Amino acid sequence: MACDQTEKLTTAYLGEDMPAADRVAFERHMLTCGDCTSEVASTAVLDRSLRTMRNHFRPAPDFKARVLATGQAPKRVRRDAAARRPSTSFWPFGRWGFAWAALAAAVVAVAIILPITAYNHEQGRRLVAEISDIHAATLASTNPVDVVSSNRHVVKPWFEGRLPFAFNVPELANTGFSLDGARVVYLRQQPGAELMLHYGLHRCSILIFQDGPAFSRALSQVGDGPFHLQMLRRNGLIFFAIGDLDQQPLRSLGQVFASAQ
């Protein structure tokens, strides 16, 4: 696959205009191409930011009419008063320029003071749903991992060249967890690692990604979805421990991985 067409391929991939076979080929290509992976990640972050702005910059239905009404000249005005009125010709659209400028300024002001609590809650809910989907798909797969090994010294080097970041796999002895294997996954167009483990009869995952705009700092806490979920941050990485076991073992698992970095 030619990297000189990365921009075109990225647009098609994120816009879901790419045929299924080409999407699979492009995702395999990104596993070994840091430039393409970085381009997809940065474009996805920009696209999400623009869509967020578009959804928030919405004044009340009658707001535009009220602003435009303030820009209309009185029906009766003396000629000498009109002559003394300052000219607005320096605006690209004359009097309408003032109206649109006022509208734009008001929209920005409204956007700045909008409460972000509801937005953060919705983003957190979506994040939990996406992580739950990844874990559920792994559990349902007949081939849940790409590298099958309980040896951390096998799993860690397997990711070299497949991810744009490195991480340490801790020693799990005396933690109650055992490593089953690992694979590369994508969350919000970000490549990351999913390590599959078991805890007694329970199976769980820990997902590791580079921390950044895709995982807003406002999402410092996330709730539960179909599974219990714990999130930790450490040294530029973000860890999601998810499974059907209790919260405390999951948090301990996340802390073990975070402390190993």
C-alpha atoms as a PDB file:
ATOM      1  CA  MET A   1       0.000   0.000   0.000  1.00  0.00           C
ATOM      2  CA  ALA A   2       1.479   3.359  -1.065  1.00  0.00           C
ATOM      3  CA  CYS A   3       2.108   5.822   1.757  1.00  0.00           C
ATOM      4  CA  ASP A   4       2.139   8.705  -0.735  1.00  0.00           C
ATOM      5  CA  GLN A   5      -1.658   8.376  -0.794  1.00  0.00           C
ATOM      6  CA  THR A   6      -2.021   8.452   2.994  1.00  0.00           C
ATOM      7  CA  GLU A   7      -4.147  11.621   3.007  1.00  0.00           C
ATOM      8  CA  LYS A   8      -6.605  10.191   0.477  1.00  0.00           C
ATOM      9  CA  LEU A   9      -6.772   6.829   2.267  1.00  0.00           C
ATOM     10  CA  THR A  10      -7.224   8.508   5.647  1.00  0.00           C
ATOM     11  CA  THR A  11     -10.181  10.541   4.379  1.00  0.00           C
ATOM     12  CA  ALA A  12     -11.856   7.447   2.959  1.00  0.00           C
ATOM     13  CA  TYR A  13     -11.113   5.362   6.068  1.00  0.00           C
ATOM     14  CA  LEU A  14     -12.474   7.877   8.587  1.00  0.00           C
ATOM     15  CA  GLY A  15     -15.384   8.800   6.337  1.00  0.00           C
ATOM     16  CA  GLU A  16     -16.387   5.134   6.078  1.00  0.00           C
ATOM     17  CA  ASP A  17     -16.270   5.401   2.265  1.00  0.00           C
ATOM     18  CA  MET A  18     -13.638   2.682   2.011  1.00  0.00           C
ATOM     19  CA  PRO A  19     -14.744  -0.815   0.951  1.00  0.00           C
ATOM     20  CA  ALA A  20     -14.518  -3.441   3.678  1.00  0.00           C
ATOM     21  CA  ALA A  21     -11.632  -5.297   2.018  1.00  0.00           C
ATOM     22  CA  ASP A  22      -9.642  -2.070   1.616  1.00  0.00           C
ATOM     23  CA  ARG A  23     -10.325  -1.142   5.266  1.00  0.00           C
ATOM     24  CA  VAL A  24      -8.868  -4.434   6.438  1.00  0.00           C
ATOM     25  CA  ALA A  25      -5.816  -3.959   4.207  1.00  0.00           C
ATOM     26  CA  PHE A  26      -5.323  -0.388   5.429  1.00  0.00           C
ATOM     27  CA  GLU A  27      -5.605  -1.401   9.107  1.00  0.00           C
ATOM     28  CA  ARG A  28      -2.981  -4.112   8.554  1.00  0.00           C
ATOM     29  CA  HIS A  29      -0.777  -1.546   6.866  1.00  0.00           C
ATOM     30  CA  MET A  30      -1.098   0.807   9.857  1.00  0.00           C
ATOM     31  CA  LEU A  31       0.238  -1.913  12.151  1.00  0.00           C
ATOM     32  CA  THR A  32       3.649  -1.495  10.524  1.00  0.00           C
ATOM     33  CA  CYS A  33       3.502   2.153   9.383  1.00  0.00           C
ATOM     34  CA  GLY A  34       3.837   4.806  12.072  1.00  0.00           C
ATOM     35  CA  ASP A  35       3.318   7.672   9.595  1.00  0.00           C
ATOM     36  CA  CYS A  36      -0.079   6.388   8.437  1.00  0.00           C
ATOM     37  CA  THR A  37      -1.133   5.587  11.996  1.00  0.00           C
ATOM     38  CA  SER A  38      -0.178   9.097  13.129  1.00  0.00           C
ATOM     39  CA  GLU A  39      -2.043  10.679  10.196  1.00  0.00           C
ATOM     40  CA  VAL A  40      -5.222   8.725  10.951  1.00  0.00           C
ATOM     41  CA  ALA A  41      -5.004   9.571  14.658  1.00  0.00           C
ATOM     42  CA  SER A  42      -4.442  13.323  14.180  1.00  0.00           C
ATOM     43  CA  THR A  43      -7.149  13.591  11.513  1.00  0.00           C
ATOM     44  CA  ALA A  44      -9.648  11.726  13.705  1.00  0.00           C
ATOM     45  CA  VAL A  45      -8.944  14.046  16.641  1.00  0.00           C
ATOM     46  CA  LEU A  46      -9.429  17.135  14.439  1.00  0.00           C
ATOM     47  CA  ASP A  47     -12.642  15.740  12.958  1.00  0.00           C
ATOM     48  CA  ARG A  48     -14.079  14.992  16.402  1.00  0.00           C
ATOM     49  CA  SER A  49     -13.172  18.508  17.618  1.00  0.00           C
ATOM     50  CA  LEU A  50     -14.907  20.138  14.647  1.00  0.00           C
ATOM     51  CA  ARG A  51     -18.030  18.019  15.114  1.00  0.00           C
ATOM     52  CA  THR A  52     -18.092  18.920  18.798  1.00  0.00           C
ATOM     53  CA  MET A  53     -17.888  22.637  17.981  1.00  0.00           C
ATOM     54  CA  ARG A  54     -20.630  22.315  15.385  1.00  0.00           C
ATOM     55  CA  ASN A  55     -22.972  20.683  17.887  1.00  0.00           C
ATOM     56  CA  HIS A  56     -22.341  23.302  20.558  1.00  0.00           C
ATOM     57  CA  PHE A  57     -22.459  26.503  18.489  1.00  0.00           C
ATOM     58  CA  ARG A  58     -26.250  26.565  18.329  1.00  0.00           C
ATOM     59  CA  PRO A  59     -28.048  29.661  19.694  1.00  0.00           C
ATOM     60  CA  ALA A  60     -31.756  29.756  20.544  1.00  0.00           C
ATOM     61  CA  PRO A  61     -34.143  29.513  17.538  1.00  0.00           C
ATOM     62  CA  ASP A  62     -35.141  33.187  17.766  1.00  0.00           C
ATOM     63  CA  PHE A  63     -31.632  34.426  18.469  1.00  0.00           C
ATOM     64  CA  LYS A  64     -30.731  35.199  14.842  1.00  0.00           C
ATOM     65  CA  ALA A  65     -33.993  37.107  14.272  1.00  0.00           C
ATOM     66  CA  ARG A  66     -33.398  39.244  17.363  1.00  0.00           C
ATOM     67  CA  VAL A  67     -29.819  40.047  16.351  1.00  0.00           C
ATOM     68  CA  LEU A  68     -30.831  40.940  12.806  1.00  0.00           C
ATOM     69  CA  ALA A  69     -33.631  43.123  14.130  1.00  0.00           C
ATOM     70  CA  THR A  70     -31.084  45.263  15.972  1.00  0.00           C
ATOM     71  CA  GLY A  71     -29.290  45.906  12.684  1.00  0.00           C
ATOM     72  CA  GLN A  72     -32.339  47.278  10.831  1.00  0.00           C
ATOM     73  CA  ALA A  73     -32.502  51.044  10.322  1.00  0.00           C
ATOM     74  CA  PRO A  74     -35.549  52.966  11.644  1.00  0.00           C
ATOM     75  CA  LYS A  75     -38.258  53.477   9.056  1.00  0.00           C
ATOM     76  CA  ARG A  76     -38.317  57.243   9.670  1.00  0.00           C
ATOM     77  CA  VAL A  77     -35.065  59.124   9.893  1.00  0.00           C
ATOM     78  CA  ARG A  78     -34.122  62.682   9.065  1.00  0.00           C
ATOM     79  CA  ARG A  79     -31.729  63.105   6.159  1.00  0.00           C
ATOM     80  CA  ASP A  80     -29.364  65.267   8.131  1.00  0.00           C
ATOM     81  CA  ALA A  81     -29.228  62.661  10.902  1.00  0.00           C
ATOM     82  CA  ALA A  82     -28.603  59.934   8.339  1.00  0.00           C
ATOM     83  CA  ALA A  83     -25.804  61.997   6.866  1.00  0.00           C
ATOM     84  CA  ARG A  84     -24.146  62.340  10.258  1.00  0.00           C
ATOM     85  CA  ARG A  85     -24.417  58.628  10.976  1.00  0.00           C
ATOM     86  CA  PRO A  86     -20.975  56.929  10.871  1.00  0.00           C
ATOM     87  CA  SER A  87     -20.314  54.981   7.714  1.00  0.00           C
ATOM     88  CA  THR A  88     -20.121  51.176   7.897  1.00  0.00           C
ATOM     89  CA  SER A  89     -18.584  50.818   4.449  1.00  0.00           C
ATOM     90  CA  PHE A  90     -15.351  49.505   5.912  1.00  0.00           C
ATOM     91  CA  TRP A  91     -17.193  46.281   6.734  1.00  0.00           C
ATOM     92  CA  PRO A  92     -17.228  43.808   3.827  1.00  0.00           C
ATOM     93  CA  PHE A  93     -21.045  43.652   3.893  1.00  0.00           C
ATOM     94  CA  GLY A  94     -21.951  47.096   5.197  1.00  0.00           C
ATOM     95  CA  ARG A  95     -24.699  47.119   7.804  1.00  0.00           C
ATOM     96  CA  TRP A  96     -25.183  43.360   7.404  1.00  0.00           C
ATOM     97  CA  GLY A  97     -21.529  42.962   8.324  1.00  0.00           C
ATOM     98  CA  PHE A  98     -22.299  44.460  11.745  1.00  0.00           C
ATOM     99  CA  ALA A  99     -25.255  42.102  12.149  1.00  0.00           C
ATOM    100  CA  TRP A 100     -23.294  38.984  11.250  1.00  0.00           C
ATOM    101  CA  ALA A 101     -20.350  40.091  13.370  1.00  0.00           C
ATOM    102  CA  ALA A 102     -22.678  40.576  16.317  1.00  0.00           C
ATOM    103  CA  LEU A 103     -24.220  37.174  15.652  1.00  0.00           C
ATOM    104  CA  ALA A 104     -20.811  35.487  15.516  1.00  0.00           C
ATOM    105  CA  ALA A 105     -19.655  37.199  18.712  1.00  0.00           C
ATOM    106  CA  ALA A 106     -22.844  36.217  20.514  1.00  0.00           C
ATOM    107  CA  VAL A 107     -22.550  32.601  19.359  1.00  0.00           C
ATOM    108  CA  VAL A 108     -18.969  32.401  20.648  1.00  0.00           C
ATOM    109  CA  ALA A 109     -20.037  33.948  23.957  1.00  0.00           C
ATOM    110  CA  VAL A 110     -22.851  31.440  24.320  1.00  0.00           C
ATOM    111  CA  ALA A 111     -20.491  28.559  23.509  1.00  0.00           C
ATOM    112  CA  ILE A 112     -17.999  29.682  26.138  1.00  0.00           C
ATOM    113  CA  ILE A 113     -20.540  29.736  28.943  1.00  0.00           C
ATOM    114  CA  LEU A 114     -22.320  26.498  28.006  1.00  0.00           C
ATOM    115  CA  PRO A 115     -22.096  23.928  30.797  1.00  0.00           C
ATOM    116  CA  ILE A 116     -19.821  21.010  29.887  1.00  0.00           C
ATOM    117  CA  THR A 117     -21.061  18.539  32.498  1.00  0.00           C
ATOM    118  CA  ALA A 118     -23.643  16.947  30.212  1.00  0.00           C
ATOM    119  CA  TYR A 119     -21.128  16.765  27.364  1.00  0.00           C
ATOM    120  CA  ASN A 120     -18.505  15.081  29.530  1.00  0.00           C
ATOM    121  CA  HIS A 121     -21.060  12.574  30.796  1.00  0.00           C
ATOM    122  CA  GLU A 122     -22.074  11.662  27.244  1.00  0.00           C
ATOM    123  CA  GLN A 123     -18.455  11.303  26.146  1.00  0.00           C
ATOM    124  CA  GLY A 124     -17.752   9.084  29.143  1.00  0.00           C
ATOM    125  CA  ARG A 125     -20.790   6.926  28.353  1.00  0.00           C
ATOM    126  CA  ARG A 126     -19.658   6.490  24.738  1.00  0.00           C
ATOM    127  CA  LEU A 127     -16.127   5.642  25.813  1.00  0.00           C
ATOM    128  CA  VAL A 128     -17.387   2.936  28.182  1.00  0.00           C
ATOM    129  CA  ALA A 129     -19.589   1.520  25.411  1.00  0.00           C
ATOM    130  CA  GLU A 130     -16.682   1.363  22.943  1.00  0.00           C
ATOM    131  CA  ILE A 131     -14.371  -0.336  25.457  1.00  0.00           C
ATOM    132  CA  SER A 132     -17.112  -2.806  26.397  1.00  0.00           C
ATOM    133  CA  ASP A 133     -17.620  -3.637  22.717  1.00  0.00           C
ATOM    134  CA  ILE A 134     -13.908  -4.391  22.289  1.00  0.00           C
ATOM    135  CA  HIS A 135     -13.848  -6.685  25.326  1.00  0.00           C
ATOM    136  CA  ALA A 136     -17.102  -8.420  24.337  1.00  0.00           C
ATOM    137  CA  ALA A 137     -15.808  -9.014  20.795  1.00  0.00           C
ATOM    138  CA  THR A 138     -12.641 -10.572  22.228  1.00  0.00           C
ATOM    139  CA  LEU A 139     -14.634 -12.886  24.478  1.00  0.00           C
ATOM    140  CA  ALA A 140     -16.877 -13.954  21.589  1.00  0.00           C
ATOM    141  CA  SER A 141     -14.055 -14.569  19.106  1.00  0.00           C
ATOM    142  CA  THR A 142     -12.813 -18.042  18.297  1.00  0.00           C
ATOM    143  CA  ASN A 143      -9.323 -16.497  17.989  1.00  0.00           C
ATOM    144  CA  PRO A 144      -9.366 -13.843  20.706  1.00  0.00           C
ATOM    145  CA  VAL A 145      -5.635 -13.018  20.625  1.00  0.00           C
ATOM    146  CA  ASP A 146      -2.961 -12.691  17.948  1.00  0.00           C
ATOM    147  CA  VAL A 147      -0.114 -13.856  20.163  1.00  0.00           C
ATOM    148  CA  VAL A 148      -0.886 -16.719  22.533  1.00  0.00           C
ATOM    149  CA  SER A 149       1.470 -16.754  25.504  1.00  0.00           C
ATOM    150  CA  SER A 150       1.520 -16.510  29.281  1.00  0.00           C
ATOM    151  CA  ASN A 151       5.109 -15.229  29.170  1.00  0.00           C
ATOM    152  CA  ARG A 152       5.441 -11.462  29.461  1.00  0.00           C
ATOM    153  CA  HIS A 153       8.843 -11.639  27.790  1.00  0.00           C
ATOM    154  CA  VAL A 154       7.109 -12.996  24.683  1.00  0.00           C
ATOM    155  CA  VAL A 155       4.124 -10.646  24.694  1.00  0.00           C
ATOM    156  CA  LYS A 156       5.998  -7.363  25.146  1.00  0.00           C
ATOM    157  CA  PRO A 157       8.424  -7.717  22.173  1.00  0.00           C
ATOM    158  CA  TRP A 158       5.544  -8.910  19.965  1.00  0.00           C
ATOM    159  CA  PHE A 159       4.138  -5.347  20.007  1.00  0.00           C
ATOM    160  CA  GLU A 160       7.399  -3.768  18.815  1.00  0.00           C
ATOM    161  CA  GLY A 161       6.787  -2.156  15.427  1.00  0.00           C
ATOM    162  CA  ARG A 162       3.044  -2.700  15.741  1.00  0.00           C
ATOM    163  CA  LEU A 163       2.326   0.274  18.020  1.00  0.00           C
ATOM    164  CA  PRO A 164       3.619   3.882  18.037  1.00  0.00           C
ATOM    165  CA  PHE A 165       4.499   3.532  21.745  1.00  0.00           C
ATOM    166  CA  ALA A 166       6.113   1.040  24.116  1.00  0.00           C
ATOM    167  CA  PHE A 167       4.973  -0.307  27.461  1.00  0.00           C
ATOM    168  CA  ASN A 168       6.146  -2.786  30.059  1.00  0.00           C
ATOM    169  CA  VAL A 169       4.296  -5.993  30.915  1.00  0.00           C
ATOM    170  CA  PRO A 170       4.609  -6.520  34.686  1.00  0.00           C
ATOM    171  CA  GLU A 171       5.271  -9.713  36.583  1.00  0.00           C
ATOM    172  CA  LEU A 172       1.847 -11.081  37.529  1.00  0.00           C
ATOM    173  CA  ALA A 173       2.934 -13.707  40.039  1.00  0.00           C
ATOM    174  CA  ASN A 174       1.088 -13.377  43.360  1.00  0.00           C
ATOM    175  CA  THR A 175      -1.531 -11.045  41.821  1.00  0.00           C
ATOM    176  CA  GLY A 176      -4.126 -13.715  41.088  1.00  0.00           C
ATOM    177  CA  PHE A 177      -4.037 -12.830  37.371  1.00  0.00           C
ATOM    178  CA  SER A 178      -2.580 -14.954  34.582  1.00  0.00           C
ATOM    179  CA  LEU A 179      -1.749 -13.755  31.079  1.00  0.00           C
ATOM    180  CA  ASP A 180      -3.397 -15.553  28.141  1.00  0.00           C
ATOM    181  CA  GLY A 181      -2.164 -13.498  25.173  1.00  0.00           C
ATOM    182  CA  ALA A 182      -2.573 -10.181  23.399  1.00  0.00           C
ATOM    183  CA  ARG A 183      -3.605  -8.395  20.227  1.00  0.00           C
ATOM    184  CA  VAL A 184      -3.668  -4.924  18.623  1.00  0.00           C
ATOM    185  CA  VAL A 185      -6.973  -3.045  18.868  1.00  0.00           C
ATOM    186  CA  TYR A 186      -8.291   0.384  17.876  1.00  0.00           C
ATOM    187  CA  LEU A 187     -10.252   2.763  20.092  1.00  0.00           C
ATOM    188  CA  ARG A 188     -11.362   6.102  18.646  1.00  0.00           C
ATOM    189  CA  GLN A 189      -9.000   5.518  15.737  1.00  0.00           C
ATOM    190  CA  GLN A 190      -6.105   5.118  18.192  1.00  0.00           C
ATOM    191  CA  PRO A 191      -4.011   1.910  18.019  1.00  0.00           C
ATOM    192  CA  GLY A 192      -3.459   0.169  21.313  1.00  0.00           C
ATOM    193  CA  ALA A 193      -2.771  -3.121  23.037  1.00  0.00           C
ATOM    194  CA  GLU A 194      -5.325  -5.473  24.517  1.00  0.00           C
ATOM    195  CA  LEU A 195      -3.932  -8.084  26.893  1.00  0.00           C
ATOM    196  CA  MET A 196      -6.267 -10.938  27.743  1.00  0.00           C
ATOM    197  CA  LEU A 197      -6.035 -12.391  31.258  1.00  0.00           C
ATOM    198  CA  HIS A 198      -7.965 -14.657  33.570  1.00  0.00           C
ATOM    199  CA  TYR A 199      -8.648 -14.338  37.282  1.00  0.00           C
ATOM    200  CA  GLY A 200      -9.926 -17.630  38.588  1.00  0.00           C
ATOM    201  CA  LEU A 201     -12.834 -18.442  36.289  1.00  0.00           C
ATOM    202  CA  HIS A 202     -13.181 -14.818  35.203  1.00  0.00           C
ATOM    203  CA  ARG A 203     -11.708 -13.457  31.983  1.00  0.00           C
ATOM    204  CA  CYS A 204     -10.730  -9.820  31.749  1.00  0.00           C
ATOM    205  CA  SER A 205      -8.792  -7.438  29.534  1.00  0.00           C
ATOM    206  CA  ILE A 206      -6.453  -4.549  30.043  1.00  0.00           C
ATOM    207  CA  LEU A 207      -6.305  -2.065  27.172  1.00  0.00           C
ATOM    208  CA  ILE A 208      -3.343   0.291  26.852  1.00  0.00           C
ATOM    209  CA  PHE A 209      -3.232   3.438  24.691  1.00  0.00           C
ATOM    210  CA  GLN A 210      -1.272   6.623  24.399  1.00  0.00           C
ATOM    211  CA  ASP A 211      -3.030   9.288  26.461  1.00  0.00           C
ATOM    212  CA  GLY A 212      -4.070  12.376  24.529  1.00  0.00           C
ATOM    213  CA  PRO A 213      -6.957  14.382  23.029  1.00  0.00           C
ATOM    214  CA  ALA A 214      -8.866  11.238  22.105  1.00  0.00           C
ATOM    215  CA  PHE A 215      -9.162  10.554  25.841  1.00  0.00           C
ATOM    216  CA  SER A 216     -10.008  13.988  27.216  1.00  0.00           C
ATOM    217  CA  ARG A 217      -8.731  14.917  30.658  1.00  0.00           C
ATOM    218  CA  ALA A 218     -12.367  15.560  31.554  1.00  0.00           C
ATOM    219  CA  LEU A 219     -12.831  11.800  31.426  1.00  0.00           C
ATOM    220  CA  SER A 220     -10.810  11.269  34.579  1.00  0.00           C
ATOM    221  CA  GLN A 221     -13.545   8.979  35.828  1.00  0.00           C
ATOM    222  CA  VAL A 222     -15.736   6.603  33.875  1.00  0.00           C
ATOM    223  CA  GLY A 223     -18.713   4.586  35.002  1.00  0.00           C
ATOM    224  CA  ASP A 224     -19.620   1.001  34.333  1.00  0.00           C
ATOM    225  CA  GLY A 225     -21.345  -0.484  31.325  1.00  0.00           C
ATOM    226  CA  PRO A 226     -22.028  -4.182  30.754  1.00  0.00           C
ATOM    227  CA  PHE A 227     -18.737  -4.900  32.571  1.00  0.00           C
ATOM    228  CA  HIS A 228     -16.900  -3.357  35.490  1.00  0.00           C
ATOM    229  CA  LEU A 229     -14.248  -0.886  34.357  1.00  0.00           C
ATOM    230  CA  GLN A 230     -11.279   0.861  35.950  1.00  0.00           C
ATOM    231  CA  MET A 231      -9.147   3.555  34.300  1.00  0.00           C
ATOM    232  CA  LEU A 232      -5.675   4.760  35.300  1.00  0.00           C
ATOM    233  CA  ARG A 233      -3.125   7.116  33.747  1.00  0.00           C
ATOM    234  CA  ARG A 234       0.648   6.924  34.067  1.00  0.00           C
ATOM    235  CA  ASN A 235       3.607   8.403  32.122  1.00  0.00           C
ATOM    236  CA  GLY A 236       1.654   9.321  28.999  1.00  0.00           C
ATOM    237  CA  LEU A 237      -0.286   6.058  28.862  1.00  0.00           C
ATOM    238  CA  ILE A 238      -3.883   5.288  29.752  1.00  0.00           C
ATOM    239  CA  PHE A 239      -4.989   1.877  31.057  1.00  0.00           C
ATOM    240  CA  PHE A 240      -8.499   0.412  30.971  1.00  0.00           C
ATOM    241  CA  ALA A 241      -9.028  -2.747  33.066  1.00  0.00           C
ATOM    242  CA  ILE A 242     -12.366  -4.348  32.213  1.00  0.00           C
ATOM    243  CA  GLY A 243     -14.122  -7.587  33.111  1.00  0.00           C
ATOM    244  CA  ASP A 244     -16.982  -9.207  34.993  1.00  0.00           C
ATOM    245  CA  LEU A 245     -15.108  -9.445  38.291  1.00  0.00           C
ATOM    246  CA  ASP A 246     -15.251  -7.000  41.206  1.00  0.00           C
ATOM    247  CA  GLN A 247     -13.918  -3.454  41.016  1.00  0.00           C
ATOM    248  CA  GLN A 248     -11.077  -3.956  43.499  1.00  0.00           C
ATOM    249  CA  PRO A 249      -9.236  -6.716  41.578  1.00  0.00           C
ATOM    250  CA  LEU A 250      -9.624  -4.689  38.374  1.00  0.00           C
ATOM    251  CA  ARG A 251      -8.190  -1.613  40.035  1.00  0.00           C
ATOM    252  CA  SER A 252      -5.301  -3.663  41.405  1.00  0.00           C
ATOM    253  CA  LEU A 253      -4.640  -4.981  37.890  1.00  0.00           C
ATOM    254  CA  GLY A 254      -4.562  -1.445  36.492  1.00  0.00           C
ATOM    255  CA  GLN A 255      -2.235  -0.297  39.246  1.00  0.00           C
ATOM    256  CA  VAL A 256       0.163  -3.192  38.630  1.00  0.00           C
ATOM    257  CA  PHE A 257       0.439  -2.247  34.954  1.00  0.00           C
ATOM    258  CA  ALA A 258       0.634   1.484  35.639  1.00  0.00           C
ATOM    259  CA  SER A 259       3.359   1.001  38.249  1.00  0.00           C
ATOM    260  CA  ALA A 260       5.433  -1.060  35.810  1.00  0.00           C
ATOM    261  CA  GLN A 261       5.830   1.858  33.407  1.00  0.00           C
END
